[in-house]
């Protein structure tokens, strides 16, 4: 008999089943229902007294519903005398609300952190946070894992020689550098400027993409607007019209799929942190993070380091971003 319970909300039941299979356990029994007015109710259908409970629940669309589920499950576990409550949140909603930008706005990511702690969560495991500083909003341990090694294993099977890794903006340069080190490829950076409240345009392609295959990376694909503009900018700069896209989180909201149906896009690879991925499309591939999350749970139970989870090559430390001199010329 194990000394922990794996509970899952309704956000991504397939991922919960896959993680449970990796661990050799069955998901804990709980019932989650909604009243006609939209209120969420949770009932634990087995005891958790004194046990370590892992709550697996990405807070993707609909974000508010899945966030309340997570909080309600945590509160139910706390009131049922669980020994410890650890939230495994593969996708952390509201991560883009990490600062006020000088306006009269909430820092919602900080609010979510306080809510999770108030509900009784004592540790958070997540993947590729949109903003690293969100870890500082918590007073409890936060382990921000990365899906880059998982995605690189999938990419290696079909990435053409001579591919360059493209960061869609300055904020993803560090992630692009991790891909580049693991794949043995150079890095290109796109510079953007804001053309309106919700629109941006690419102003510079920093690095050489002339007649090169390109791999555009990002932490998430939401509406697909950023990726679509990146594709257009690369093609205009002379890149080959055979572009691969890789991202950890595939939200695919609005008309994202239409935007990604560009004739120059050959493959779109995301992980299964969210259940919104349309698996039937031949150009879409899904790399599972279930083994990674299961390994994290095992290490937490054994009080072991997470360092090995970041490795997929002899590289043992996260690389520093390249300088502009290393990137090469502007196009």
Protein backbone atom coordinates (compact mmCIF):
# COMPACT_ATOMS: atom_id res chain seq x y z
CA UNK A 1 0.00 0.00 0.00
CA UNK A 2 1.34 3.44 -0.91
CA UNK A 3 1.62 6.23 1.63
CA UNK A 4 0.22 8.88 -0.69
CA UNK A 5 -2.93 9.62 -2.66
CA UNK A 6 -3.07 11.07 -6.17
CA UNK A 7 -6.23 13.11 -6.64
CA UNK A 8 -7.20 14.84 -9.88
CA UNK A 9 -9.70 17.47 -10.86
CA UNK A 10 -11.62 17.54 -14.13
CA UNK A 11 -9.13 19.74 -16.02
CA UNK A 12 -7.07 16.91 -17.53
CA UNK A 13 -8.20 13.44 -16.43
CA UNK A 14 -6.19 11.69 -19.17
CA UNK A 15 -2.94 13.13 -17.81
CA UNK A 16 -3.90 12.06 -14.28
CA UNK A 17 -4.51 8.49 -15.47
CA UNK A 18 -1.16 8.48 -17.29
CA UNK A 19 0.71 9.76 -14.22
CA UNK A 20 -1.04 7.18 -12.02
CA UNK A 21 -0.02 4.43 -14.46
CA UNK A 22 3.60 5.61 -14.33
CA UNK A 23 3.46 5.44 -10.53
CA UNK A 24 1.69 2.08 -10.48
CA UNK A 25 -1.27 3.41 -8.47
CA UNK A 26 -4.87 4.29 -9.19
CA UNK A 27 -6.17 7.86 -8.96
CA UNK A 28 -7.88 8.64 -5.68
CA UNK A 29 -11.66 8.57 -5.63
CA UNK A 30 -13.41 11.91 -5.47
CA UNK A 31 -16.57 13.42 -6.90
CA UNK A 32 -16.62 16.90 -8.43
CA UNK A 33 -19.96 18.35 -9.46
CA UNK A 34 -21.45 21.73 -10.30
CA UNK A 35 -24.77 23.10 -9.14
CA UNK A 36 -27.07 24.63 -11.77
CA UNK A 37 -25.85 28.10 -10.75
CA UNK A 38 -22.22 27.14 -11.50
CA UNK A 39 -21.01 26.53 -7.94
CA UNK A 40 -18.46 23.74 -7.53
CA UNK A 41 -18.85 20.98 -4.97
CA UNK A 42 -16.20 18.40 -4.08
CA UNK A 43 -16.49 15.16 -2.10
CA UNK A 44 -13.62 12.85 -1.23
CA UNK A 45 -14.77 9.26 -1.64
CA UNK A 46 -11.91 7.69 0.32
CA UNK A 47 -10.03 8.68 3.48
CA UNK A 48 -6.88 10.80 3.27
CA UNK A 49 -6.21 11.18 7.00
CA UNK A 50 -2.46 11.40 7.63
CA UNK A 51 -1.60 10.79 3.96
CA UNK A 52 0.38 12.92 1.55
CA UNK A 53 -2.06 14.08 -1.13
CA UNK A 54 -0.91 15.12 -4.60
CA UNK A 55 -3.57 17.24 -6.30
CA UNK A 56 -3.06 17.14 -10.08
CA UNK A 57 -4.93 19.97 -11.72
CA UNK A 58 -3.78 22.35 -14.48
CA UNK A 59 -5.65 25.64 -14.26
CA UNK A 60 -6.23 26.05 -17.97
CA UNK A 61 -9.45 27.09 -19.75
CA UNK A 62 -11.95 27.56 -18.24
CA UNK A 63 -9.37 28.94 -15.81
CA UNK A 64 -11.69 30.09 -13.04
CA UNK A 65 -13.60 26.80 -12.88
CA UNK A 66 -10.44 24.74 -12.70
CA UNK A 67 -8.83 27.05 -10.16
CA UNK A 68 -11.84 26.81 -7.85
CA UNK A 69 -11.79 23.00 -8.23
CA UNK A 70 -8.15 22.98 -7.11
CA UNK A 71 -8.88 25.20 -4.11
CA UNK A 72 -11.98 23.21 -3.13
CA UNK A 73 -10.09 19.90 -3.37
CA UNK A 74 -7.29 21.29 -1.22
CA UNK A 75 -9.76 22.56 1.38
CA UNK A 76 -11.53 19.20 1.43
CA UNK A 77 -8.20 17.43 2.01
CA UNK A 78 -7.21 19.87 4.77
CA UNK A 79 -10.53 19.43 6.57
CA UNK A 80 -10.16 15.65 6.18
CA UNK A 81 -6.83 15.75 8.09
CA UNK A 82 -4.49 15.04 5.18
CA UNK A 83 -0.90 14.89 6.35
CA UNK A 84 0.42 17.11 3.56
CA UNK A 85 -1.08 18.66 0.41
CA UNK A 86 1.06 19.11 -2.70
CA UNK A 87 -0.44 20.73 -5.80
CA UNK A 88 0.84 19.48 -9.15
CA UNK A 89 -0.23 22.27 -11.50
CA UNK A 90 1.26 21.51 -14.94
CA UNK A 91 -0.16 24.74 -16.37
CA UNK A 92 -0.42 27.72 -14.00
CA UNK A 93 -3.26 30.01 -15.05
CA UNK A 94 -2.99 33.78 -14.53
CA UNK A 95 0.80 33.54 -14.93
CA UNK A 96 0.74 36.44 -17.40
CA UNK A 97 -0.66 38.71 -14.69
CA UNK A 98 2.63 38.99 -12.82
CA UNK A 99 3.00 42.80 -12.73
CA UNK A 100 0.91 45.96 -12.99
CA UNK A 101 2.67 47.65 -15.92
CA UNK A 102 2.21 51.00 -14.20
CA UNK A 103 -1.58 50.80 -14.39
CA UNK A 104 -4.41 50.33 -11.87
CA UNK A 105 -4.46 46.56 -12.25
CA UNK A 106 -4.31 43.52 -9.99
CA UNK A 107 -1.32 41.19 -9.84
CA UNK A 108 -3.58 38.18 -10.16
CA UNK A 109 -0.77 35.62 -10.10
CA UNK A 110 0.10 36.83 -6.61
CA UNK A 111 -3.57 36.62 -5.59
CA UNK A 112 -3.76 33.02 -6.84
CA UNK A 113 -0.63 32.15 -4.86
CA UNK A 114 -2.21 33.49 -1.67
CA UNK A 115 -5.45 31.61 -2.34
CA UNK A 116 -3.62 28.33 -2.86
CA UNK A 117 -1.73 28.72 0.40
CA UNK A 118 -4.87 29.73 2.29
CA UNK A 119 -6.59 26.56 1.01
CA UNK A 120 -3.92 24.43 2.67
CA UNK A 121 -1.51 23.71 -0.20
CA UNK A 122 2.02 23.32 1.18
CA UNK A 123 4.08 22.73 -1.98
CA UNK A 124 3.57 23.47 -5.69
CA UNK A 125 5.02 21.63 -8.68
CA UNK A 126 4.54 23.27 -12.07
CA UNK A 127 6.05 23.33 -15.57
CA UNK A 128 7.58 26.21 -17.49
CA UNK A 129 5.99 29.12 -15.68
CA UNK A 130 5.35 32.04 -18.00
CA UNK A 131 7.20 34.31 -15.57
CA UNK A 132 9.85 32.90 -13.23
CA UNK A 133 9.23 35.59 -10.61
CA UNK A 134 5.86 34.01 -9.78
CA UNK A 135 7.76 31.62 -7.52
CA UNK A 136 8.43 34.65 -5.30
CA UNK A 137 4.70 35.16 -4.74
CA UNK A 138 4.61 31.98 -2.63
CA UNK A 139 5.83 31.44 0.92
CA UNK A 140 5.86 27.68 0.33
CA UNK A 141 8.24 25.59 -1.83
CA UNK A 142 7.69 25.84 -5.59
CA UNK A 143 9.38 23.49 -8.07
CA UNK A 144 9.20 24.89 -11.60
CA UNK A 145 10.15 21.97 -13.85
CA UNK A 146 10.74 22.25 -17.57
CA UNK A 147 9.35 20.24 -20.47
CA UNK A 148 12.24 21.22 -22.75
CA UNK A 149 14.02 17.83 -22.44
CA UNK A 150 10.75 16.02 -23.16
CA UNK A 151 10.06 18.14 -26.24
CA UNK A 152 13.65 17.83 -27.48
CA UNK A 153 13.39 14.04 -27.42
CA UNK A 154 10.37 14.29 -29.71
CA UNK A 155 11.96 16.94 -31.93
CA UNK A 156 15.16 15.02 -32.62
CA UNK A 157 13.35 12.40 -34.69
CA UNK A 158 12.29 14.82 -37.41
CA UNK A 159 14.30 18.04 -37.16
CA UNK A 160 16.21 18.77 -40.39
CA UNK A 161 19.99 19.37 -40.17
CA UNK A 162 20.94 23.03 -39.97
CA UNK A 163 17.81 24.08 -38.08
CA UNK A 164 17.96 27.31 -36.07
CA UNK A 165 16.03 27.80 -32.82
CA UNK A 166 13.89 30.94 -32.84
CA UNK A 167 12.79 32.84 -29.75
CA UNK A 168 9.55 34.72 -30.59
CA UNK A 169 10.51 37.58 -28.24
CA UNK A 170 13.19 38.64 -25.77
CA UNK A 171 11.35 37.00 -22.88
CA UNK A 172 11.89 33.49 -24.25
CA UNK A 173 15.61 33.80 -25.04
CA UNK A 174 16.67 31.68 -22.07
CA UNK A 175 14.27 28.90 -23.07
CA UNK A 176 15.44 29.11 -26.69
CA UNK A 177 19.03 28.78 -25.49
CA UNK A 178 18.15 25.59 -23.61
CA UNK A 179 16.66 24.12 -26.78
CA UNK A 180 19.71 25.22 -28.76
CA UNK A 181 22.17 23.60 -26.35
CA UNK A 182 20.27 20.32 -26.32
CA UNK A 183 19.77 20.24 -30.09
CA UNK A 184 23.16 21.65 -31.07
CA UNK A 185 21.62 24.57 -32.98
CA UNK A 186 22.14 28.36 -33.13
CA UNK A 187 19.65 30.85 -31.69
CA UNK A 188 17.71 33.59 -33.47
CA UNK A 189 15.66 36.23 -31.64
CA UNK A 190 12.68 38.19 -32.93
CA UNK A 191 12.20 41.72 -31.66
CA UNK A 192 8.65 43.03 -31.36
CA UNK A 193 6.94 46.33 -30.70
CA UNK A 194 3.40 46.85 -29.52
CA UNK A 195 1.10 48.23 -32.22
CA UNK A 196 -2.02 48.37 -30.04
CA UNK A 197 -3.55 47.01 -26.83
CA UNK A 198 -3.59 43.44 -28.16
CA UNK A 199 -1.43 43.62 -31.29
CA UNK A 200 2.32 43.41 -31.77
CA UNK A 201 4.53 43.37 -34.84
CA UNK A 202 7.99 41.93 -35.44
CA UNK A 203 10.51 44.69 -36.19
CA UNK A 204 13.82 42.79 -36.37
CA UNK A 205 15.08 39.27 -36.91
CA UNK A 206 18.33 39.05 -34.94
CA UNK A 207 20.39 36.24 -36.45
CA UNK A 208 20.73 34.57 -39.84
CA UNK A 209 17.73 32.58 -41.11
CA UNK A 210 18.42 32.84 -44.83
CA UNK A 211 17.55 29.48 -46.44
CA UNK A 212 17.47 27.83 -42.97
CA UNK A 213 14.94 25.52 -41.33
CA UNK A 214 13.45 27.18 -38.24
CA UNK A 215 12.16 25.85 -34.93
CA UNK A 216 9.99 28.43 -33.18
CA UNK A 217 9.71 27.76 -29.45
CA UNK A 218 7.50 29.24 -26.75
CA UNK A 219 6.17 28.37 -23.32
CA UNK A 220 2.56 28.49 -24.51
CA UNK A 221 0.39 28.85 -27.57
CA UNK A 222 -2.77 30.72 -26.66
CA UNK A 223 -4.42 32.51 -29.60
CA UNK A 224 -1.53 31.71 -31.91
CA UNK A 225 -1.02 35.37 -32.81
CA UNK A 226 2.60 35.56 -31.66
CA UNK A 227 3.52 32.38 -33.54
CA UNK A 228 1.72 33.48 -36.71
CA UNK A 229 3.59 36.80 -36.77
CA UNK A 230 6.86 34.97 -36.12
CA UNK A 231 6.24 32.67 -39.08
CA UNK A 232 5.53 35.61 -41.40
CA UNK A 233 8.64 37.48 -40.22
CA UNK A 234 10.89 34.45 -40.75
CA UNK A 235 9.55 33.76 -44.24
CA UNK A 236 10.04 37.45 -45.13
CA UNK A 237 13.63 37.19 -43.86
CA UNK A 238 14.36 34.29 -46.22
CA UNK A 239 13.76 31.24 -44.02
CA UNK A 240 12.74 27.99 -45.67
CA UNK A 241 8.95 27.48 -45.68
CA UNK A 242 9.27 24.37 -43.53
CA UNK A 243 8.87 25.60 -39.97
CA UNK A 244 8.46 23.55 -36.79
CA UNK A 245 6.76 24.95 -33.69
CA UNK A 246 7.27 23.62 -30.16
CA UNK A 247 5.60 24.83 -26.97
CA UNK A 248 4.98 23.40 -23.53
CA UNK A 249 1.36 24.46 -23.13
CA UNK A 250 -1.16 24.25 -25.99
CA UNK A 251 -4.20 26.32 -25.03
CA UNK A 252 -5.37 26.84 -28.64
CA UNK A 253 -8.12 29.32 -27.79
CA UNK A 254 -10.12 31.34 -30.30
CA UNK A 255 -8.94 30.81 -33.87
CA UNK A 256 -5.47 29.60 -32.88
CA UNK A 257 -5.69 26.45 -34.98
CA UNK A 258 -6.61 28.46 -38.06
CA UNK A 259 -3.63 30.72 -37.53
CA UNK A 260 -1.34 27.72 -37.26
CA UNK A 261 -2.67 26.27 -40.52
CA UNK A 262 -0.02 28.21 -42.41
CA UNK A 263 1.42 26.53 -45.48
CA UNK A 264 4.94 27.04 -44.09
CA UNK A 265 4.19 25.22 -40.79
CA UNK A 266 5.14 21.55 -41.00
CA UNK A 267 4.83 20.41 -37.37
CA UNK A 268 3.33 21.73 -34.15
CA UNK A 269 4.49 19.91 -31.02
CA UNK A 270 3.08 20.56 -27.54
CA UNK A 271 2.84 18.56 -24.33
CA UNK A 272 -0.26 17.18 -22.65
CA UNK A 273 -0.26 19.64 -19.75
CA UNK A 274 -3.66 20.72 -21.07
CA UNK A 275 -6.49 18.66 -22.49
CA UNK A 276 -7.23 21.08 -25.34
CA UNK A 277 -4.86 19.49 -27.86
CA UNK A 278 -6.55 18.27 -31.05
CA UNK A 279 -4.73 14.98 -31.54
CA UNK A 280 -6.38 14.04 -34.81
CA UNK A 281 -4.56 16.57 -36.96
CA UNK A 282 -1.51 15.10 -38.72
CA UNK A 283 0.64 18.23 -38.21
CA UNK A 284 0.00 18.23 -34.43
CA UNK A 285 2.05 16.03 -32.11
CA UNK A 286 1.77 15.56 -28.37
CA UNK A 287 4.71 14.75 -26.10
CA UNK A 288 3.56 13.44 -22.72
CA UNK A 289 4.90 14.93 -19.50
CA UNK A 290 3.39 12.09 -17.43
CA UNK A 291 6.80 10.40 -16.91
CA UNK A 292 8.29 13.73 -15.79
CA UNK A 293 5.49 14.44 -13.30
CA UNK A 294 5.59 10.87 -11.99
CA UNK A 295 9.35 11.15 -11.49
CA UNK A 296 8.83 14.42 -9.59
CA UNK A 297 6.28 12.77 -7.30
CA UNK A 298 8.63 9.84 -6.62
CA UNK A 299 11.45 12.22 -5.74
CA UNK A 300 9.23 14.26 -3.45
CA UNK A 301 8.22 11.09 -1.60
CA UNK A 302 11.90 10.10 -1.25
CA UNK A 303 13.11 13.63 -0.40
CA UNK A 304 15.44 13.51 -3.41
CA UNK A 305 16.79 16.33 -5.56
CA UNK A 306 15.07 17.36 -8.78
CA UNK A 307 18.37 18.13 -10.52
CA UNK A 308 18.30 15.01 -12.70
CA UNK A 309 14.88 15.98 -14.04
CA UNK A 310 16.40 18.97 -15.84
CA UNK A 311 18.94 16.84 -17.70
CA UNK A 312 18.71 15.31 -21.14
CA UNK A 313 22.35 15.67 -22.14
CA UNK A 314 25.75 16.17 -20.51
CA UNK A 315 24.63 19.74 -19.83
CA UNK A 316 24.15 19.97 -16.07
CA UNK A 317 23.41 23.67 -15.62
CA UNK A 318 21.05 26.00 -17.40
CA UNK A 319 22.95 27.96 -20.06
CA UNK A 320 23.22 31.73 -20.12
CA UNK A 321 21.46 33.49 -23.01
CA UNK A 322 23.72 34.33 -25.98
CA UNK A 323 24.97 37.86 -26.53
CA UNK A 324 23.95 39.80 -29.62
CA UNK A 325 27.50 39.35 -30.95
CA UNK A 326 27.05 35.58 -30.69
CA UNK A 327 23.68 35.72 -32.42
CA UNK A 328 25.21 37.33 -35.50
CA UNK A 329 23.86 39.93 -37.87
CA UNK A 330 20.43 41.56 -37.94
CA UNK A 331 18.26 40.80 -40.90
